[in-house]
Amino acid sequence: MARQSANVHCLPADSTVRSALLDLQMNAFVELKGFLVEVQKTGAPQAWRSSLVRDDQGAGACEILWVTDVRELTP
């Protein structure tokens, strides 16, 4: 199950992508394009790092995706 699912935190690249993400309906099939990133905040104790493998689980296993394109798919 862990290899077939993902907890993806989406960071929109711009306001158009943000609007597209917010317009998605629950349970929609989507294609997201972008880049896995590391996020650093001034004053934060450590960076948020994206997982780079598909078989990890638990804390630190999520992906942080800088989303550059969103497309809703027809099932």
C-alpha atoms as a PDB file:
ATOM      1  CA  MET A   1       0.000   0.000   0.000  1.00  0.00           C
ATOM      2  CA  ALA A   2       2.795   2.457   0.847  1.00  0.00           C
ATOM      3  CA  ARG A   3       4.238   2.224  -2.658  1.00  0.00           C
ATOM      4  CA  GLN A   4       0.879   3.006  -4.263  1.00  0.00           C
ATOM      5  CA  SER A   5      -0.058   6.058  -2.194  1.00  0.00           C
ATOM      6  CA  ALA A   6       1.544   9.363  -1.324  1.00  0.00           C
ATOM      7  CA  ASN A   7       1.037  12.276   1.011  1.00  0.00           C
ATOM      8  CA  VAL A   8       1.847  15.224  -1.240  1.00  0.00           C
ATOM      9  CA  HIS A   9       2.033  18.786   0.043  1.00  0.00           C
ATOM     10  CA  CYS A  10       1.391  21.089  -2.924  1.00  0.00           C
ATOM     11  CA  LEU A  11       3.070  24.480  -3.224  1.00  0.00           C
ATOM     12  CA  PRO A  12       1.592  26.375  -6.186  1.00  0.00           C
ATOM     13  CA  ALA A  13       4.128  28.037  -8.472  1.00  0.00           C
ATOM     14  CA  ASP A  14       1.803  30.979  -9.195  1.00  0.00           C
ATOM     15  CA  SER A  15      -1.746  32.275  -8.701  1.00  0.00           C
ATOM     16  CA  THR A  16      -3.080  30.394 -11.748  1.00  0.00           C
ATOM     17  CA  VAL A  17      -1.853  27.067 -10.378  1.00  0.00           C
ATOM     18  CA  ARG A  18      -3.187  27.964  -6.918  1.00  0.00           C
ATOM     19  CA  SER A  19      -6.654  28.636  -8.355  1.00  0.00           C
ATOM     20  CA  ALA A  20      -6.576  25.367 -10.299  1.00  0.00           C
ATOM     21  CA  LEU A  21      -5.646  23.419  -7.149  1.00  0.00           C
ATOM     22  CA  LEU A  22      -8.382  25.093  -5.112  1.00  0.00           C
ATOM     23  CA  ASP A  23     -10.975  24.360  -7.831  1.00  0.00           C
ATOM     24  CA  LEU A  24     -10.372  20.594  -7.738  1.00  0.00           C
ATOM     25  CA  GLN A  25     -13.256  18.495  -6.475  1.00  0.00           C
ATOM     26  CA  MET A  26     -12.809  15.834  -3.805  1.00  0.00           C
ATOM     27  CA  ASN A  27     -11.796  12.454  -5.276  1.00  0.00           C
ATOM     28  CA  ALA A  28     -10.820  14.027  -8.602  1.00  0.00           C
ATOM     29  CA  PHE A  29      -8.221  12.308 -10.759  1.00  0.00           C
ATOM     30  CA  VAL A  30      -5.452  14.789 -11.460  1.00  0.00           C
ATOM     31  CA  GLU A  31      -2.073  15.073 -13.103  1.00  0.00           C
ATOM     32  CA  LEU A  32       0.354  17.357 -11.298  1.00  0.00           C
ATOM     33  CA  LYS A  33       3.614  18.517 -12.827  1.00  0.00           C
ATOM     34  CA  GLY A  34       6.386  20.160 -10.885  1.00  0.00           C
ATOM     35  CA  PHE A  35       9.478  19.601  -8.796  1.00  0.00           C
ATOM     36  CA  LEU A  36      10.176  17.951  -5.464  1.00  0.00           C
ATOM     37  CA  VAL A  37      11.619  20.642  -3.204  1.00  0.00           C
ATOM     38  CA  GLU A  38      13.117  21.393   0.164  1.00  0.00           C
ATOM     39  CA  VAL A  39      11.493  24.301   2.009  1.00  0.00           C
ATOM     40  CA  GLN A  40      13.440  26.510   4.381  1.00  0.00           C
ATOM     41  CA  LYS A  41      11.940  29.240   6.533  1.00  0.00           C
ATOM     42  CA  THR A  42      14.009  31.918   8.201  1.00  0.00           C
ATOM     43  CA  GLY A  43      14.244  31.133  11.897  1.00  0.00           C
ATOM     44  CA  ALA A  44      12.877  27.596  11.557  1.00  0.00           C
ATOM     45  CA  PRO A  45      14.986  24.910  13.260  1.00  0.00           C
ATOM     46  CA  GLN A  46      15.207  22.744  10.131  1.00  0.00           C
ATOM     47  CA  ALA A  47      14.084  22.503   6.519  1.00  0.00           C
ATOM     48  CA  TRP A  48      11.077  20.538   5.305  1.00  0.00           C
ATOM     49  CA  ARG A  49      12.532  17.897   3.013  1.00  0.00           C
ATOM     50  CA  SER A  50      10.674  16.030   0.336  1.00  0.00           C
ATOM     51  CA  SER A  51      10.888  12.261   0.301  1.00  0.00           C
ATOM     52  CA  LEU A  52      12.737  11.032  -2.777  1.00  0.00           C
ATOM     53  CA  VAL A  53      11.810   7.344  -2.580  1.00  0.00           C
ATOM     54  CA  ARG A  54       8.504   5.471  -2.921  1.00  0.00           C
ATOM     55  CA  ASP A  55       8.894   2.836  -0.194  1.00  0.00           C
ATOM     56  CA  ASP A  56       9.297   4.997   2.909  1.00  0.00           C
ATOM     57  CA  GLN A  57       6.660   5.375   5.613  1.00  0.00           C
ATOM     58  CA  GLY A  58       5.938   7.506   8.657  1.00  0.00           C
ATOM     59  CA  ALA A  59       7.405  10.896   9.573  1.00  0.00           C
ATOM     60  CA  GLY A  60       9.362  12.420   6.702  1.00  0.00           C
ATOM     61  CA  ALA A  61       7.820  10.184   4.054  1.00  0.00           C
ATOM     62  CA  CYS A  62       5.724  12.890   2.377  1.00  0.00           C
ATOM     63  CA  GLU A  63       6.496  14.694  -0.852  1.00  0.00           C
ATOM     64  CA  ILE A  64       6.633  18.478  -1.112  1.00  0.00           C
ATOM     65  CA  LEU A  65       5.763  19.368  -4.697  1.00  0.00           C
ATOM     66  CA  TRP A  66       6.320  22.800  -6.263  1.00  0.00           C
ATOM     67  CA  VAL A  67       3.349  22.515  -8.668  1.00  0.00           C
ATOM     68  CA  THR A  68       3.820  24.124 -12.078  1.00  0.00           C
ATOM     69  CA  ASP A  69       0.813  22.585 -13.866  1.00  0.00           C
ATOM     70  CA  VAL A  70      -2.505  20.991 -12.883  1.00  0.00           C
ATOM     71  CA  ARG A  71      -4.743  18.951 -15.141  1.00  0.00           C
ATOM     72  CA  GLU A  72      -7.964  17.251 -14.077  1.00  0.00           C
ATOM     73  CA  LEU A  73      -8.348  13.860 -15.749  1.00  0.00           C
ATOM     74  CA  THR A  74     -11.485  12.060 -16.861  1.00  0.00           C
ATOM     75  CA  PRO A  75     -11.623   8.598 -15.257  1.00  0.00           C
END
